Amino acid sequence: MSKSVYIGELEDIPRRGARKVEALGCDIAIFRTGEDELFALEDKCPHKQGPLSDGIVQGRGVACPLHNWIIDLGSGLARGPDEGCVKRFAVELRGSAVYLGPLIGNEAAPEASLAVEAE
């Protein structure tokens, strides 16, 4: 992954939760699922810009804390019937260190996740 930025250690991100970081010119939420996958999305819901990092992670989605829109962590798309998309960023685990990579985009594309071995 080119131009990656160290953002912290895996244990800094709670399972089924998120950690907000300021990087690459915006606020980014790094999510860790219950299955230990990592995802990185811009920290604002496409509906009313609610802070996704404060939302509840449900499987591979996060519920926006303002109006309960569900955003798919892999694609960045709002789940139906809602519509909208969030910018996605690459994320990589090196040992226990988490690195944030470049913008992937804000359209549905191959997922930018990394399965993490359970400890």
C-alpha atoms as a PDB file:
ATOM      1  CA  MET A   1       0.000   0.000   0.000  1.00  0.00           C
ATOM      2  CA  SER A   2       1.577   3.291  -1.034  1.00  0.00           C
ATOM      3  CA  LYS A   3       1.467   6.490   1.008  1.00  0.00           C
ATOM      4  CA  SER A   4       0.030   4.837   4.070  1.00  0.00           C
ATOM      5  CA  VAL A   5      -0.268   6.618   7.410  1.00  0.00           C
ATOM      6  CA  TYR A   6       0.188   4.921  10.784  1.00  0.00           C
ATOM      7  CA  ILE A   7      -2.933   5.517  12.875  1.00  0.00           C
ATOM      8  CA  GLY A   8      -2.488   3.283  15.899  1.00  0.00           C
ATOM      9  CA  GLU A   9      -2.595  -0.260  17.180  1.00  0.00           C
ATOM     10  CA  LEU A  10      -5.306  -2.829  16.565  1.00  0.00           C
ATOM     11  CA  GLU A  11      -6.254  -2.886  20.247  1.00  0.00           C
ATOM     12  CA  ASP A  12      -7.033   0.861  19.976  1.00  0.00           C
ATOM     13  CA  ILE A  13     -10.101  -0.058  17.891  1.00  0.00           C
ATOM     14  CA  PRO A  14     -12.798  -1.879  19.858  1.00  0.00           C
ATOM     15  CA  ARG A  15     -14.462  -4.930  18.325  1.00  0.00           C
ATOM     16  CA  ARG A  16     -17.845  -3.919  16.894  1.00  0.00           C
ATOM     17  CA  GLY A  17     -16.750  -0.310  17.225  1.00  0.00           C
ATOM     18  CA  ALA A  18     -14.738   2.471  15.668  1.00  0.00           C
ATOM     19  CA  ARG A  19     -11.953   4.941  16.223  1.00  0.00           C
ATOM     20  CA  LYS A  20     -12.021   8.401  14.649  1.00  0.00           C
ATOM     21  CA  VAL A  21      -8.799   9.854  13.252  1.00  0.00           C
ATOM     22  CA  GLU A  22      -7.907  13.036  11.416  1.00  0.00           C
ATOM     23  CA  ALA A  23      -5.901  12.055   8.357  1.00  0.00           C
ATOM     24  CA  LEU A  24      -5.653  12.699   4.646  1.00  0.00           C
ATOM     25  CA  GLY A  25      -7.523  15.988   4.992  1.00  0.00           C
ATOM     26  CA  CYS A  26     -10.680  14.751   6.712  1.00  0.00           C
ATOM     27  CA  ASP A  27     -12.127  12.857   9.672  1.00  0.00           C
ATOM     28  CA  ILE A  28     -12.001   9.109   9.048  1.00  0.00           C
ATOM     29  CA  ALA A  29     -13.674   6.345  11.041  1.00  0.00           C
ATOM     30  CA  ILE A  30     -11.747   3.072  11.290  1.00  0.00           C
ATOM     31  CA  PHE A  31     -14.202   0.245  12.010  1.00  0.00           C
ATOM     32  CA  ARG A  32     -13.504  -3.213  13.419  1.00  0.00           C
ATOM     33  CA  THR A  33     -16.246  -5.798  13.060  1.00  0.00           C
ATOM     34  CA  GLY A  34     -17.016  -8.654  15.421  1.00  0.00           C
ATOM     35  CA  GLU A  35     -15.285 -10.910  12.882  1.00  0.00           C
ATOM     36  CA  ASP A  36     -12.153  -8.705  13.107  1.00  0.00           C
ATOM     37  CA  GLU A  37     -12.370  -7.073   9.696  1.00  0.00           C
ATOM     38  CA  LEU A  38     -11.128  -3.492   9.363  1.00  0.00           C
ATOM     39  CA  PHE A  39     -12.770  -0.805   7.227  1.00  0.00           C
ATOM     40  CA  ALA A  40     -12.154   2.924   6.808  1.00  0.00           C
ATOM     41  CA  LEU A  41     -14.868   5.413   5.842  1.00  0.00           C
ATOM     42  CA  GLU A  42     -15.129   9.182   5.925  1.00  0.00           C
ATOM     43  CA  ASP A  43     -16.757   9.959   9.265  1.00  0.00           C
ATOM     44  CA  LYS A  44     -19.969  11.492   7.981  1.00  0.00           C
ATOM     45  CA  CYS A  45     -23.243   9.949   6.939  1.00  0.00           C
ATOM     46  CA  PRO A  46     -24.422  10.950   3.443  1.00  0.00           C
ATOM     47  CA  HIS A  47     -27.828  11.908   4.884  1.00  0.00           C
ATOM     48  CA  LYS A  48     -27.168  14.641   7.482  1.00  0.00           C
ATOM     49  CA  GLN A  49     -23.396  14.211   7.999  1.00  0.00           C
ATOM     50  CA  GLY A  50     -23.838  12.380  11.304  1.00  0.00           C
ATOM     51  CA  PRO A  51     -20.627  10.986  12.875  1.00  0.00           C
ATOM     52  CA  LEU A  52     -20.500   7.344  11.776  1.00  0.00           C
ATOM     53  CA  SER A  53     -17.750   6.665  14.326  1.00  0.00           C
ATOM     54  CA  ASP A  54     -20.426   7.116  17.033  1.00  0.00           C
ATOM     55  CA  GLY A  55     -22.713   4.580  15.364  1.00  0.00           C
ATOM     56  CA  ILE A  56     -23.388   0.965  16.235  1.00  0.00           C
ATOM     57  CA  VAL A  57     -21.552  -1.647  14.146  1.00  0.00           C
ATOM     58  CA  GLN A  58     -23.924  -4.413  13.075  1.00  0.00           C
ATOM     59  CA  GLY A  59     -22.212  -7.184  11.113  1.00  0.00           C
ATOM     60  CA  ARG A  60     -20.635  -5.399   8.152  1.00  0.00           C
ATOM     61  CA  GLY A  61     -22.671  -2.228   8.523  1.00  0.00           C
ATOM     62  CA  VAL A  62     -22.830   0.780  10.805  1.00  0.00           C
ATOM     63  CA  ALA A  63     -25.979   2.590  11.926  1.00  0.00           C
ATOM     64  CA  CYS A  64     -25.708   6.374  11.830  1.00  0.00           C
ATOM     65  CA  PRO A  65     -26.467   7.748  15.302  1.00  0.00           C
ATOM     66  CA  LEU A  66     -28.646  10.582  13.968  1.00  0.00           C
ATOM     67  CA  HIS A  67     -31.311   8.847  11.872  1.00  0.00           C
ATOM     68  CA  ASN A  68     -30.319   5.163  11.899  1.00  0.00           C
ATOM     69  CA  TRP A  69     -29.258   4.974   8.250  1.00  0.00           C
ATOM     70  CA  ILE A  70     -27.239   1.783   7.741  1.00  0.00           C
ATOM     71  CA  ILE A  71     -23.995   2.246   5.813  1.00  0.00           C
ATOM     72  CA  ASP A  72     -22.307  -0.834   4.347  1.00  0.00           C
ATOM     73  CA  LEU A  73     -18.707  -0.887   5.585  1.00  0.00           C
ATOM     74  CA  GLY A  74     -17.351  -2.635   2.483  1.00  0.00           C
ATOM     75  CA  SER A  75     -18.943  -0.493  -0.207  1.00  0.00           C
ATOM     76  CA  GLY A  76     -19.706   2.751   1.631  1.00  0.00           C
ATOM     77  CA  LEU A  77     -23.266   2.641   0.258  1.00  0.00           C
ATOM     78  CA  ALA A  78     -26.380   3.344   2.287  1.00  0.00           C
ATOM     79  CA  ARG A  79     -28.582   0.267   2.485  1.00  0.00           C
ATOM     80  CA  GLY A  80     -32.032   0.523   0.925  1.00  0.00           C
ATOM     81  CA  PRO A  81     -34.389   2.146   0.901  1.00  0.00           C
ATOM     82  CA  ASP A  82     -31.942   4.953   1.734  1.00  0.00           C
ATOM     83  CA  GLU A  83     -29.533   6.225  -0.918  1.00  0.00           C
ATOM     84  CA  GLY A  84     -26.112   7.776  -0.668  1.00  0.00           C
ATOM     85  CA  CYS A  85     -22.452   6.901  -0.445  1.00  0.00           C
ATOM     86  CA  VAL A  86     -19.486   7.566   1.828  1.00  0.00           C
ATOM     87  CA  LYS A  87     -15.841   7.892   0.780  1.00  0.00           C
ATOM     88  CA  ARG A  88     -13.802   4.753   1.471  1.00  0.00           C
ATOM     89  CA  PHE A  89     -10.125   4.434   2.300  1.00  0.00           C
ATOM     90  CA  ALA A  90      -7.740   1.501   2.197  1.00  0.00           C
ATOM     91  CA  VAL A  91      -6.718   0.082   5.573  1.00  0.00           C
ATOM     92  CA  GLU A  92      -3.909  -2.359   6.310  1.00  0.00           C
ATOM     93  CA  LEU A  93      -2.705  -4.268   9.331  1.00  0.00           C
ATOM     94  CA  ARG A  94       1.050  -4.810   9.744  1.00  0.00           C
ATOM     95  CA  GLY A  95       1.552  -6.973  12.790  1.00  0.00           C
ATOM     96  CA  SER A  96      -0.622  -5.112  15.287  1.00  0.00           C
ATOM     97  CA  ALA A  97      -0.099  -1.685  13.657  1.00  0.00           C
ATOM     98  CA  VAL A  98      -2.974  -0.211  11.632  1.00  0.00           C
ATOM     99  CA  TYR A  99      -2.183   1.898   8.568  1.00  0.00           C
ATOM    100  CA  LEU A 100      -4.573   4.051   6.588  1.00  0.00           C
ATOM    101  CA  GLY A 101      -4.086   4.150   2.842  1.00  0.00           C
ATOM    102  CA  PRO A 102      -5.332   6.322   0.019  1.00  0.00           C
ATOM    103  CA  LEU A 103      -8.907   7.143  -0.922  1.00  0.00           C
ATOM    104  CA  ILE A 104     -10.517   4.233  -2.738  1.00  0.00           C
ATOM    105  CA  GLY A 105     -13.541   6.170  -3.858  1.00  0.00           C
ATOM    106  CA  ASN A 106     -17.141   6.759  -3.039  1.00  0.00           C
ATOM    107  CA  GLU A 107     -18.743   4.324  -5.433  1.00  0.00           C
ATOM    108  CA  ALA A 108     -19.370   0.623  -4.937  1.00  0.00           C
ATOM    109  CA  ALA A 109     -16.157  -1.202  -5.759  1.00  0.00           C
ATOM    110  CA  PRO A 110     -14.170  -4.167  -4.472  1.00  0.00           C
ATOM    111  CA  GLU A 111     -14.017  -4.024  -0.712  1.00  0.00           C
ATOM    112  CA  ALA A 112     -11.107  -2.543   1.176  1.00  0.00           C
ATOM    113  CA  SER A 113     -11.029  -4.716   4.205  1.00  0.00           C
ATOM    114  CA  LEU A 114      -8.527  -6.915   5.898  1.00  0.00           C
ATOM    115  CA  ALA A 115      -9.385  -9.890   8.043  1.00  0.00           C
ATOM    116  CA  VAL A 116      -7.440  -9.852  11.281  1.00  0.00           C
ATOM    117  CA  GLU A 117      -6.446 -13.041  13.033  1.00  0.00           C
ATOM    118  CA  ALA A 118      -8.204 -13.389  16.364  1.00  0.00           C
ATOM    119  CA  GLU A 119      -5.871 -13.264  19.302  1.00  0.00           C
END
